[in-house]
Amino acid sequence: MLKQIAFISVLFFPVLWLSSCSTPSKKIETVEKVMTDPKSSAAEKQAILLELEDAIRDAKKRQAWPDYIQLSQSLWQKVGPSDQLAIEYQVWSTLKQLPPKTLAQLQAQAETDQNIEMLDWLALVEATQQRPIWQKQSLQDLAEFNTGAFYNEHLLAQLQTRLEHPVPVKHVAVLLPFSGQYANISEQIRDGILKNHFAHQRDTIIRFYDSSDLNNLQQTYLNAVHQGAEWVIGPLTKEAVETLAALKPNNLIALNHVDQSHVRQFNFKSESEAYQINQKLQYNNMKRIGILTSTANSDAALASQIAGHWKQTDGHVAVLKSYPTKNPNLRKALGSVINETNSQARKNNLYWLFREKIEFTPRTRQDLDAIVLVGNTRRLGVFKPQFKFFELNLPIYGTSKITPAQLDKTPANRDLSDLIFPTMPAALKPTPLNTPFEAFGWDSLTIVMNQDNLAPGVCLNNGMTGRLSIQENEIDHDYVWGKYSSAGLAEKAPDIRPSNTPETPLEETGSDTLETAQN
């Protein structure tokens, strides 16, 4: 009996199904009669139990789930502890593979019929479908409030033990384009992964595969899984991610963002940067902002998102202007934000009216609380003299594009002094990492090794690119805030929130801790 039940619970492969014309209640009555009759021989009892197993398989084939549970629990009562655990495992693993729609229908019907046994099993399925970080409390609740459930005898304790001692990831594959235009980026990501691996002295096997050839990419992925990969990091380009998305992989951390909700994806650039910039400006009690962006597609898109988010709040005003990426007139661009043109027009009108030479100093708008500059380090660096010319004394914010290219090892750049910007923690403290893409690689491995601890509302606080969080299948990173000092070095930005705004910000730490998101 033990071997047969264990055989069913572990392998779950098709067998010859025996149909039964008896209803579950009649079948159970027959079992009870034979098993309790002192005249029944051991052979007769064995035969009746085998017949009950056949009825269980038949109920499963017919997807008659209330019958399946009723018959399984009847068999459970006739066997020893080890076989009971096998039956509990079999029922749980069978039900948790059912489609969500079927589970919802079973839940509704069980509530109508007051089928306590079915409701108990569905509660277990629901608990174990949660992220591991939430399962512990859910299973504890089942142990306390579902005391009559059969799985409380053996299976629940096994599941709780498994949560306390999760099986570590032993084999990771990394798919990156090591040839072509993205080869240099791929090498940096690889270096970050390896630095993370060696820093934590893990026993995990990490194998790297070239994903440059899209025609062979699916086969490359399948080969990596066949060679033992439990998780796959990559690929890097949108086209490559979309190619693998067709396989519907459930063990992939893609390194780009695509419109495929079933793909778990982690993008180098935070998907929420515009939101984070808006939050920082609101935190510092800004109301009216000027936004000056290059016409580069990525810059213009981010600037538009910042302005769009900003204007959604009553009382917020955003002035959005742009300058060409080629041969920009930076004085004219900045002047367009601060109304220099209007001031010049007033001067010209006065000249034509009085026909006298006029001493003229541009009178710029005084209603802006801050200016946001969207562009790369080279473009933003040449704006500094323009601010001095206009005698502007406003907080100046940049974007993550001005994160130091060599992180904390980047030489000083005085042209960026006083710029406040969202950046990676690795840019503001000593680390083994040399570039932002190395930080991206580091965090991709951190995510794989901490899958059990990453869930909606709970963050990994030790990311090199920022605090790591997940919503649906999109993994994001919250930046920290830096500021270029008067010497041109990136350092942590001071907290300048006005005293009349009492909210307390979330603290950033470098420790390997979890954090519950509060906003």
Protein backbone atom coordinates (compact mmCIF):
# COMPACT_ATOMS: atom_id res chain seq x y z
CA MET A 1 0.00 0.00 0.00
CA LEU A 2 2.74 2.45 0.97
CA LYS A 3 4.65 1.97 -2.28
CA GLN A 4 1.56 2.41 -4.41
CA ILE A 5 0.40 5.65 -2.75
CA ALA A 6 3.90 7.13 -2.77
CA PHE A 7 4.15 6.11 -6.40
CA ILE A 8 0.99 8.06 -7.19
CA SER A 9 1.95 11.13 -5.15
CA VAL A 10 5.42 11.55 -6.56
CA LEU A 11 5.14 10.63 -10.22
CA PHE A 12 1.65 11.71 -11.28
CA PHE A 13 1.82 9.98 -14.65
CA PRO A 14 -1.13 8.56 -16.60
CA VAL A 15 -2.26 5.07 -15.62
CA LEU A 16 -5.10 2.82 -16.72
CA TRP A 17 -8.14 4.38 -15.13
CA LEU A 18 -10.88 2.11 -13.74
CA SER A 19 -14.32 3.69 -13.80
CA SER A 20 -16.80 2.99 -11.08
CA CYS A 21 -20.54 3.21 -11.27
CA SER A 22 -20.82 3.66 -7.50
CA THR A 23 -21.28 7.08 -5.93
CA PRO A 24 -18.56 8.15 -3.44
CA SER A 25 -20.86 7.62 -0.46
CA LYS A 26 -21.72 4.06 -1.53
CA LYS A 27 -18.07 3.32 -2.23
CA ILE A 28 -17.11 4.61 1.22
CA GLU A 29 -19.88 2.57 2.84
CA THR A 30 -18.51 -0.55 1.14
CA VAL A 31 -15.00 0.24 2.31
CA GLU A 32 -16.18 0.79 5.88
CA LYS A 33 -18.13 -2.48 5.87
CA VAL A 34 -15.23 -4.57 4.62
CA MET A 35 -12.60 -2.88 6.76
CA THR A 36 -14.58 -3.17 9.98
CA ASP A 37 -15.96 -6.69 9.39
CA PRO A 38 -13.90 -9.09 11.56
CA LYS A 39 -14.63 -11.82 9.02
CA SER A 40 -12.86 -9.93 6.22
CA SER A 41 -9.50 -11.40 5.31
CA ALA A 42 -6.33 -9.38 4.77
CA ALA A 43 -6.61 -10.06 1.04
CA GLU A 44 -10.17 -8.70 0.95
CA LYS A 45 -9.15 -5.55 2.82
CA GLN A 46 -6.23 -5.03 0.45
CA ALA A 47 -8.50 -5.46 -2.57
CA ILE A 48 -11.08 -2.98 -1.28
CA LEU A 49 -8.38 -0.35 -0.66
CA LEU A 50 -7.05 -0.84 -4.18
CA GLU A 51 -10.58 -0.38 -5.48
CA LEU A 52 -10.85 2.86 -3.47
CA GLU A 53 -7.61 4.08 -5.04
CA ASP A 54 -9.10 3.34 -8.45
CA ALA A 55 -12.15 5.40 -7.54
CA ILE A 56 -9.91 8.29 -6.49
CA ARG A 57 -8.09 8.19 -9.82
CA ASP A 58 -11.42 8.06 -11.64
CA ALA A 59 -12.71 11.13 -9.74
CA LYS A 60 -9.53 12.98 -10.65
CA LYS A 61 -9.92 12.03 -14.30
CA ARG A 62 -13.51 13.26 -14.30
CA GLN A 63 -12.43 16.40 -12.41
CA ALA A 64 -15.09 15.62 -9.83
CA TRP A 65 -13.16 17.42 -7.12
CA PRO A 66 -15.59 17.09 -4.19
CA ASP A 67 -15.69 13.31 -4.85
CA TYR A 68 -11.91 13.28 -5.18
CA ILE A 69 -11.45 14.87 -1.76
CA GLN A 70 -14.12 12.75 -0.07
CA LEU A 71 -12.64 9.51 -1.40
CA SER A 72 -9.06 10.59 -0.64
CA GLN A 73 -9.93 11.39 2.95
CA SER A 74 -11.69 8.04 3.31
CA LEU A 75 -8.51 6.27 2.13
CA TRP A 76 -6.45 8.51 4.44
CA GLN A 77 -8.33 7.13 7.46
CA LYS A 78 -7.42 3.52 6.57
CA VAL A 79 -3.65 3.82 6.19
CA GLY A 80 -0.59 4.58 8.30
CA PRO A 81 1.13 7.96 8.90
CA SER A 82 3.60 7.78 6.00
CA ASP A 83 0.83 6.92 3.55
CA GLN A 84 -1.33 9.66 5.07
CA LEU A 85 1.39 12.23 4.29
CA ALA A 86 1.55 10.94 0.71
CA ILE A 87 -2.24 11.34 0.33
CA GLU A 88 -2.16 14.85 1.82
CA TYR A 89 0.62 15.81 -0.56
CA GLN A 90 -1.22 14.30 -3.52
CA VAL A 91 -4.46 16.20 -2.83
CA TRP A 92 -2.66 19.51 -2.25
CA SER A 93 -0.39 19.27 -5.30
CA THR A 94 -3.34 18.25 -7.51
CA LEU A 95 -5.59 21.11 -6.43
CA LYS A 96 -2.88 23.79 -6.61
CA GLN A 97 -2.32 22.96 -10.30
CA LEU A 98 -5.94 23.78 -11.17
CA PRO A 99 -6.61 27.00 -13.13
CA PRO A 100 -7.62 30.05 -11.05
CA LYS A 101 -11.07 30.04 -12.66
CA THR A 102 -11.68 26.44 -11.54
CA LEU A 103 -10.50 27.21 -8.01
CA ALA A 104 -12.84 30.20 -7.83
CA GLN A 105 -15.77 28.03 -8.96
CA LEU A 106 -14.92 25.38 -6.37
CA GLN A 107 -14.72 28.07 -3.68
CA ALA A 108 -18.15 29.46 -4.55
CA GLN A 109 -19.76 26.01 -4.69
CA ALA A 110 -18.14 24.90 -1.43
CA GLU A 111 -19.42 28.01 0.33
CA THR A 112 -22.92 27.34 -1.01
CA ASP A 113 -22.81 23.65 0.01
CA GLN A 114 -20.97 24.41 3.26
CA ASN A 115 -18.40 21.81 2.23
CA ILE A 116 -15.91 22.33 5.06
CA GLU A 117 -13.39 19.77 3.74
CA MET A 118 -13.22 21.49 0.34
CA LEU A 119 -12.91 24.93 1.95
CA ASP A 120 -10.04 23.67 4.12
CA TRP A 121 -8.11 22.40 1.12
CA LEU A 122 -8.76 25.55 -0.92
CA ALA A 123 -7.47 27.64 2.01
CA LEU A 124 -4.23 25.65 1.95
CA VAL A 125 -3.89 26.11 -1.81
CA GLU A 126 -4.44 29.86 -1.47
CA ALA A 127 -1.87 30.14 1.32
CA THR A 128 0.82 28.27 -0.60
CA GLN A 129 0.27 30.32 -3.76
CA GLN A 130 1.43 33.43 -1.92
CA ARG A 131 4.99 34.62 -2.01
CA PRO A 132 7.10 32.72 0.54
CA ILE A 133 7.56 35.89 2.57
CA TRP A 134 3.79 35.87 3.31
CA GLN A 135 3.26 32.12 3.56
CA LYS A 136 4.66 31.68 7.04
CA GLN A 137 1.87 33.60 8.77
CA SER A 138 -0.81 32.11 6.52
CA LEU A 139 0.26 28.55 7.32
CA GLN A 140 0.40 29.39 11.01
CA ASP A 141 -3.18 30.70 10.79
CA LEU A 142 -4.30 27.43 9.16
CA ALA A 143 -2.67 25.44 11.95
CA GLU A 144 -4.57 27.47 14.55
CA PHE A 145 -7.97 27.93 12.88
CA ASN A 146 -8.34 24.90 10.58
CA THR A 147 -7.52 22.29 13.21
CA GLY A 148 -9.89 19.71 11.72
CA ALA A 149 -8.23 19.70 8.30
CA PHE A 150 -6.52 16.44 7.38
CA TYR A 151 -3.38 18.23 6.20
CA ASN A 152 -2.83 19.46 9.75
CA GLU A 153 -1.66 15.97 10.70
CA HIS A 154 1.49 15.85 8.54
CA LEU A 155 1.67 18.09 5.46
CA LEU A 156 1.36 21.48 7.13
CA ALA A 157 4.38 20.87 9.34
CA GLN A 158 6.37 19.76 6.30
CA LEU A 159 5.47 22.95 4.41
CA GLN A 160 6.38 25.12 7.39
CA THR A 161 9.73 23.37 7.72
CA ARG A 162 10.41 23.96 4.03
CA LEU A 163 9.78 27.69 4.51
CA GLU A 164 12.17 27.84 7.45
CA HIS A 165 14.90 26.12 5.43
CA PRO A 166 14.47 27.13 1.77
CA VAL A 167 16.51 25.25 -0.79
CA PRO A 168 19.24 27.58 -2.08
CA VAL A 169 19.62 28.23 -5.79
CA LYS A 170 22.43 25.98 -7.02
CA HIS A 171 22.66 26.77 -10.74
CA VAL A 172 22.14 30.07 -12.60
CA ALA A 173 22.48 30.70 -16.33
CA VAL A 174 23.19 34.18 -17.73
CA LEU A 175 22.23 35.03 -21.32
CA LEU A 176 24.00 38.14 -22.66
CA PRO A 177 25.04 39.40 -26.13
CA PHE A 178 28.82 39.11 -25.89
CA SER A 179 29.31 40.13 -29.52
CA GLY A 180 28.00 43.15 -31.41
CA GLN A 181 27.14 46.64 -30.17
CA TYR A 182 26.09 45.50 -26.67
CA ALA A 183 29.20 43.44 -25.95
CA ASN A 184 30.77 46.10 -23.70
CA ILE A 185 27.59 46.46 -21.63
CA SER A 186 27.31 42.68 -21.36
CA GLU A 187 30.85 42.40 -20.05
CA GLN A 188 30.09 44.99 -17.34
CA ILE A 189 26.92 43.15 -16.30
CA ARG A 190 28.89 39.88 -16.21
CA ASP A 191 31.56 41.48 -14.01
CA GLY A 192 28.90 42.73 -11.59
CA ILE A 193 27.34 39.28 -11.33
CA LEU A 194 30.71 37.67 -10.65
CA LYS A 195 31.68 40.30 -8.06
CA ASN A 196 28.41 39.61 -6.21
CA HIS A 197 29.03 35.86 -6.47
CA PHE A 198 32.58 36.02 -5.10
CA ALA A 199 31.73 38.61 -2.42
CA HIS A 200 29.17 36.24 -0.88
CA GLN A 201 31.27 33.09 -1.48
CA ARG A 202 28.31 31.14 -2.77
CA ASP A 203 28.43 27.54 -3.99
CA THR A 204 26.12 28.43 -6.86
CA ILE A 205 27.22 27.43 -10.36
CA ILE A 206 26.99 30.35 -12.80
CA ARG A 207 27.27 29.70 -16.53
CA PHE A 208 27.33 32.43 -19.19
CA TYR A 209 25.83 31.99 -22.67
CA ASP A 210 26.09 34.25 -25.72
CA SER A 211 22.59 35.45 -26.70
CA SER A 212 23.69 37.53 -29.70
CA ASP A 213 22.07 35.24 -32.27
CA LEU A 214 18.30 35.67 -31.98
CA ASN A 215 17.69 32.74 -34.31
CA ASN A 216 19.30 30.34 -31.83
CA LEU A 217 18.23 32.12 -28.65
CA GLN A 218 15.35 29.83 -27.71
CA GLN A 219 17.55 26.78 -28.14
CA THR A 220 20.30 28.45 -26.09
CA TYR A 221 17.80 28.98 -23.28
CA LEU A 222 16.56 25.38 -23.49
CA ASN A 223 20.15 24.11 -23.44
CA ALA A 224 20.88 26.15 -20.30
CA VAL A 225 17.83 24.70 -18.54
CA HIS A 226 18.74 21.20 -19.73
CA GLN A 227 22.21 21.67 -18.24
CA GLY A 228 20.66 22.35 -14.84
CA ALA A 229 19.87 26.08 -14.67
CA GLU A 230 17.16 26.76 -12.09
CA TRP A 231 17.08 30.48 -12.91
CA VAL A 232 18.09 32.39 -16.03
CA ILE A 233 19.28 36.03 -16.00
CA GLY A 234 18.83 37.87 -19.29
CA PRO A 235 18.66 38.38 -22.17
CA LEU A 236 19.43 42.08 -22.53
CA THR A 237 17.76 43.56 -25.62
CA LYS A 238 14.01 44.01 -26.08
CA GLU A 239 14.06 41.83 -29.21
CA ALA A 240 15.80 39.02 -27.34
CA VAL A 241 13.40 39.22 -24.38
CA GLU A 242 10.40 39.11 -26.72
CA THR A 243 11.91 36.08 -28.46
CA LEU A 244 12.17 34.16 -25.19
CA ALA A 245 8.77 35.40 -23.99
CA ALA A 246 7.18 33.13 -26.58
CA LEU A 247 8.36 30.14 -24.49
CA LYS A 248 6.49 31.52 -21.43
CA PRO A 249 9.45 30.82 -19.09
CA ASN A 250 8.75 30.87 -15.37
CA ASN A 251 12.40 30.98 -14.27
CA LEU A 252 13.57 34.08 -16.14
CA ILE A 253 14.77 37.49 -14.90
CA ALA A 254 14.78 39.50 -18.14
CA LEU A 255 17.11 42.51 -18.22
CA ASN A 256 14.83 44.81 -20.19
CA HIS A 257 11.23 45.95 -20.19
CA VAL A 258 8.73 44.54 -22.72
CA ASP A 259 4.95 44.45 -22.95
CA GLN A 260 4.73 40.86 -21.77
CA SER A 261 3.07 40.69 -18.35
CA HIS A 262 4.03 37.03 -17.79
CA VAL A 263 7.76 37.79 -18.06
CA ARG A 264 9.58 38.77 -14.88
CA GLN A 265 11.63 41.79 -15.92
CA PHE A 266 14.26 44.01 -14.36
CA ASN A 267 15.23 47.11 -16.33
CA PHE A 268 18.51 49.02 -16.01
CA LYS A 269 16.60 52.30 -15.97
CA SER A 270 14.02 52.58 -13.23
CA GLU A 271 10.51 52.51 -14.66
CA SER A 272 9.39 54.94 -11.95
CA GLU A 273 12.08 57.63 -12.23
CA ALA A 274 9.62 60.40 -13.18
CA TYR A 275 7.47 59.46 -10.19
CA GLN A 276 10.48 59.44 -7.86
CA ILE A 277 11.58 62.90 -9.07
CA ASN A 278 8.07 64.22 -8.50
CA GLN A 279 8.01 62.73 -5.00
CA LYS A 280 11.32 64.42 -4.16
CA LEU A 281 10.11 67.80 -5.41
CA GLN A 282 6.88 67.49 -3.42
CA TYR A 283 8.86 66.35 -0.39
CA ASN A 284 10.80 69.62 -0.64
CA ASN A 285 7.53 71.57 -0.88
CA MET A 286 7.97 72.77 -4.48
CA LYS A 287 4.95 74.07 -6.39
CA ARG A 288 6.15 75.67 -9.64
CA ILE A 289 8.97 74.04 -11.58
CA GLY A 290 10.76 74.62 -14.86
CA ILE A 291 11.85 71.61 -16.91
CA LEU A 292 14.53 71.95 -19.57
CA THR A 293 15.25 68.89 -21.70
CA SER A 294 17.24 67.89 -24.74
CA THR A 295 15.26 66.64 -27.73
CA ALA A 296 16.81 63.16 -27.44
CA ASN A 297 13.95 60.66 -27.38
CA SER A 298 14.69 59.25 -23.92
CA ASP A 299 15.20 62.71 -22.41
CA ALA A 300 12.06 64.16 -23.97
CA ALA A 301 9.97 61.17 -22.84
CA LEU A 302 11.20 61.44 -19.24
CA ALA A 303 10.66 65.21 -19.17
CA SER A 304 7.12 64.76 -20.48
CA GLN A 305 6.40 62.16 -17.78
CA ILE A 306 7.73 64.47 -15.06
CA ALA A 307 5.57 67.36 -16.30
CA GLY A 308 2.52 65.13 -16.72
CA HIS A 309 2.77 63.70 -13.20
CA TRP A 310 3.46 67.13 -11.74
CA LYS A 311 0.41 68.83 -13.24
CA GLN A 312 -1.92 66.16 -11.87
CA THR A 313 -1.69 67.77 -8.42
CA ASP A 314 -3.78 70.90 -7.82
CA GLY A 315 -1.66 74.01 -7.51
CA HIS A 316 1.34 72.51 -9.32
CA VAL A 317 2.70 74.31 -12.39
CA ALA A 318 5.34 72.97 -14.79
CA VAL A 319 7.02 74.96 -17.58
CA LEU A 320 8.50 72.52 -20.12
CA LYS A 321 11.04 73.69 -22.70
CA SER A 322 13.53 71.82 -24.90
CA TYR A 323 16.81 72.42 -26.69
CA PRO A 324 18.27 70.55 -29.69
CA THR A 325 20.87 67.88 -29.07
CA LYS A 326 23.04 69.23 -31.90
CA ASN A 327 24.55 72.73 -31.61
CA PRO A 328 22.20 73.94 -28.85
CA ASN A 329 22.03 77.60 -27.90
CA LEU A 330 22.13 77.02 -24.17
CA ARG A 331 21.63 80.63 -23.17
CA LYS A 332 18.53 80.82 -25.33
CA ALA A 333 17.28 77.48 -24.01
CA LEU A 334 17.63 78.53 -20.37
CA GLY A 335 16.22 81.96 -21.15
CA SER A 336 13.08 80.36 -22.56
CA VAL A 337 12.39 78.76 -19.18
CA ILE A 338 12.93 81.93 -17.13
CA ASN A 339 11.20 84.41 -19.52
CA GLU A 340 14.31 86.23 -20.68
CA THR A 341 12.60 86.74 -24.05
CA ASN A 342 9.77 88.74 -22.45
CA SER A 343 12.28 90.86 -20.55
CA GLN A 344 14.21 91.57 -23.74
CA ALA A 345 11.00 92.52 -25.52
CA ARG A 346 10.18 95.06 -22.80
CA LYS A 347 13.64 96.59 -23.17
CA ASN A 348 13.20 96.91 -26.96
CA ASN A 349 9.79 98.52 -26.56
CA LEU A 350 11.20 101.11 -24.17
CA TYR A 351 14.08 101.85 -26.52
CA TRP A 352 11.75 102.53 -29.46
CA LEU A 353 9.49 104.62 -27.24
CA PHE A 354 12.17 106.90 -25.72
CA ARG A 355 14.92 106.61 -28.38
CA GLU A 356 17.50 106.58 -25.63
CA LYS A 357 20.17 104.11 -24.64
CA ILE A 358 18.88 101.95 -21.77
CA GLU A 359 20.98 100.21 -19.16
CA PHE A 360 19.53 96.68 -19.27
CA THR A 361 19.74 93.65 -16.99
CA PRO A 362 17.46 90.71 -17.94
CA ARG A 363 14.59 90.50 -15.48
CA THR A 364 13.76 86.83 -15.12
CA ARG A 365 10.68 85.23 -13.72
CA GLN A 366 10.66 84.96 -9.95
CA ASP A 367 7.88 82.41 -9.51
CA LEU A 368 9.82 79.15 -10.06
CA ASP A 369 10.74 77.05 -7.04
CA ALA A 370 13.19 74.75 -8.87
CA ILE A 371 14.50 73.80 -12.30
CA VAL A 372 14.86 70.23 -13.55
CA LEU A 373 17.53 69.67 -16.21
CA VAL A 374 17.13 66.54 -18.32
CA GLY A 375 20.22 65.51 -20.24
CA ASN A 376 23.58 63.80 -19.92
CA THR A 377 26.61 64.95 -17.94
CA ARG A 378 28.24 66.72 -20.90
CA ARG A 379 25.16 68.77 -21.75
CA LEU A 380 24.31 69.71 -18.20
CA GLY A 381 27.89 70.62 -17.38
CA VAL A 382 27.83 73.57 -19.78
CA PHE A 383 24.69 75.08 -18.25
CA LYS A 384 26.47 76.29 -15.10
CA PRO A 385 27.82 79.58 -16.58
CA GLN A 386 24.35 80.37 -17.86
CA PHE A 387 22.89 80.18 -14.36
CA LYS A 388 25.58 82.60 -13.12
CA PHE A 389 24.82 84.97 -15.99
CA PHE A 390 21.13 85.14 -15.08
CA GLU A 391 21.97 85.27 -11.35
CA LEU A 392 19.63 82.37 -10.71
CA ASN A 393 19.56 81.08 -7.16
CA LEU A 394 17.20 78.13 -7.47
CA PRO A 395 17.57 74.45 -6.52
CA ILE A 396 18.66 72.60 -9.66
CA TYR A 397 17.69 68.95 -10.14
CA GLY A 398 19.04 66.47 -12.66
CA THR A 399 18.13 62.90 -13.54
CA SER A 400 19.83 59.54 -13.12
CA LYS A 401 21.68 60.18 -16.39
CA ILE A 402 24.26 62.22 -14.48
CA THR A 403 25.14 59.32 -12.19
CA PRO A 404 28.97 59.23 -12.11
CA ALA A 405 30.23 57.01 -14.92
CA GLN A 406 32.74 55.26 -12.65
CA LEU A 407 30.50 55.39 -9.57
CA ASP A 408 32.36 56.56 -6.45
CA LYS A 409 35.70 56.45 -8.32
CA THR A 410 34.70 59.16 -10.85
CA PRO A 411 36.95 62.27 -10.98
CA ALA A 412 35.47 65.55 -9.74
CA ASN A 413 33.42 67.67 -12.15
CA ARG A 414 32.97 71.23 -10.85
CA ASP A 415 30.65 72.09 -13.74
CA LEU A 416 27.98 69.95 -12.04
CA SER A 417 28.32 71.48 -8.56
CA ASP A 418 25.07 71.91 -6.63
CA LEU A 419 23.06 69.63 -8.96
CA ILE A 420 20.70 67.35 -7.01
CA PHE A 421 19.94 64.06 -8.75
CA PRO A 422 18.53 60.52 -8.29
CA THR A 423 21.28 57.94 -8.37
CA MET A 424 22.48 54.51 -7.30
CA PRO A 425 23.70 53.83 -3.76
CA ALA A 426 26.87 52.41 -5.34
CA ALA A 427 27.70 55.92 -6.62
CA LEU A 428 27.80 57.39 -3.12
CA LYS A 429 29.78 54.82 -1.15
CA PRO A 430 32.85 52.61 -1.68
CA THR A 431 31.98 49.27 -3.32
CA PRO A 432 33.81 46.70 -5.47
CA LEU A 433 31.85 48.01 -8.47
CA ASN A 434 33.26 50.28 -11.17
CA THR A 435 30.27 51.16 -13.38
CA PRO A 436 26.46 51.46 -13.17
CA PHE A 437 26.07 48.38 -15.39
CA GLU A 438 28.17 46.38 -12.93
CA ALA A 439 25.72 47.50 -10.23
CA PHE A 440 22.88 46.31 -12.48
CA GLY A 441 24.54 42.92 -12.84
CA TRP A 442 25.14 42.70 -9.09
CA ASP A 443 21.46 43.36 -8.37
CA SER A 444 20.22 40.87 -10.96
CA LEU A 445 21.97 38.09 -9.04
CA THR A 446 20.72 39.51 -5.72
CA ILE A 447 17.16 39.22 -7.03
CA VAL A 448 17.64 35.59 -8.08
CA MET A 449 19.16 34.61 -4.74
CA ASN A 450 16.39 36.38 -2.78
CA GLN A 451 13.28 35.33 -4.72
CA ASP A 452 11.62 34.10 -1.53
CA ASN A 453 11.99 37.51 0.10
CA LEU A 454 10.76 39.73 -2.74
CA ALA A 455 7.02 40.35 -2.73
CA PRO A 456 4.57 43.22 -3.29
CA GLY A 457 4.91 45.62 -0.38
CA VAL A 458 8.24 44.14 0.75
CA CYS A 459 11.55 45.44 -0.61
CA LEU A 460 15.15 44.27 -0.69
CA ASN A 461 17.03 47.12 0.92
CA ASN A 462 20.55 46.11 -0.09
CA GLY A 463 20.44 46.84 -3.83
CA MET A 464 23.41 48.53 -5.47
CA THR A 465 21.08 50.26 -7.98
CA GLY A 466 18.61 51.17 -5.24
CA ARG A 467 15.93 49.62 -3.08
CA LEU A 468 14.50 46.66 -5.04
CA SER A 469 10.75 46.05 -5.23
CA ILE A 470 8.31 44.03 -7.33
CA GLN A 471 4.80 44.69 -8.58
CA GLU A 472 3.18 42.00 -10.69
CA ASN A 473 6.26 40.79 -12.63
CA GLU A 474 8.04 44.15 -12.90
CA ILE A 475 11.07 44.58 -10.64
CA ASP A 476 12.00 48.20 -10.00
CA HIS A 477 14.68 50.04 -8.07
CA ASP A 478 14.16 53.19 -6.01
CA TYR A 479 17.06 55.60 -6.33
CA VAL A 480 18.76 57.44 -3.50
CA TRP A 481 19.44 61.16 -3.83
CA GLY A 482 22.87 62.60 -4.45
CA LYS A 483 24.28 66.08 -4.92
CA TYR A 484 27.44 67.31 -6.58
CA SER A 485 29.46 69.23 -4.02
CA SER A 486 31.19 72.55 -4.65
CA ALA A 487 34.28 70.47 -5.46
CA GLY A 488 32.30 68.50 -8.07
CA LEU A 489 32.14 65.20 -6.19
CA ALA A 490 28.94 63.16 -5.84
CA GLU A 491 27.79 62.86 -2.23
CA LYS A 492 24.57 62.14 -0.37
CA ALA A 493 22.10 64.99 -0.79
CA PRO A 494 21.17 66.75 2.47
CA ASP A 495 17.57 66.52 3.65
CA ILE A 496 16.20 70.02 3.04
CA ARG A 497 12.53 69.32 3.66
CA PRO A 498 10.83 72.39 5.18
CA SER A 499 9.87 72.01 8.84
CA ASN A 500 6.17 72.57 8.14
CA THR A 501 5.82 69.25 6.30
CA PRO A 502 5.86 66.51 8.94
CA GLU A 503 6.02 63.27 6.96
CA THR A 504 9.05 61.10 7.66
CA PRO A 505 10.92 59.65 4.65
CA LEU A 506 11.86 56.04 4.33
CA GLU A 507 15.43 55.50 5.42
CA GLU A 508 17.93 53.90 3.07
CA THR A 509 20.34 51.35 4.50
CA GLY A 510 23.09 49.22 3.09
CA SER A 511 22.30 46.16 5.16
CA ASP A 512 20.88 42.90 3.88
CA THR A 513 17.44 43.63 5.23
CA LEU A 514 13.84 43.58 4.11
CA GLU A 515 11.67 46.63 4.30
CA THR A 516 7.93 47.10 4.10
CA ALA A 517 7.07 49.83 1.59
CA GLN A 518 5.03 52.67 3.08
CA ASN A 519 4.23 54.60 -0.06
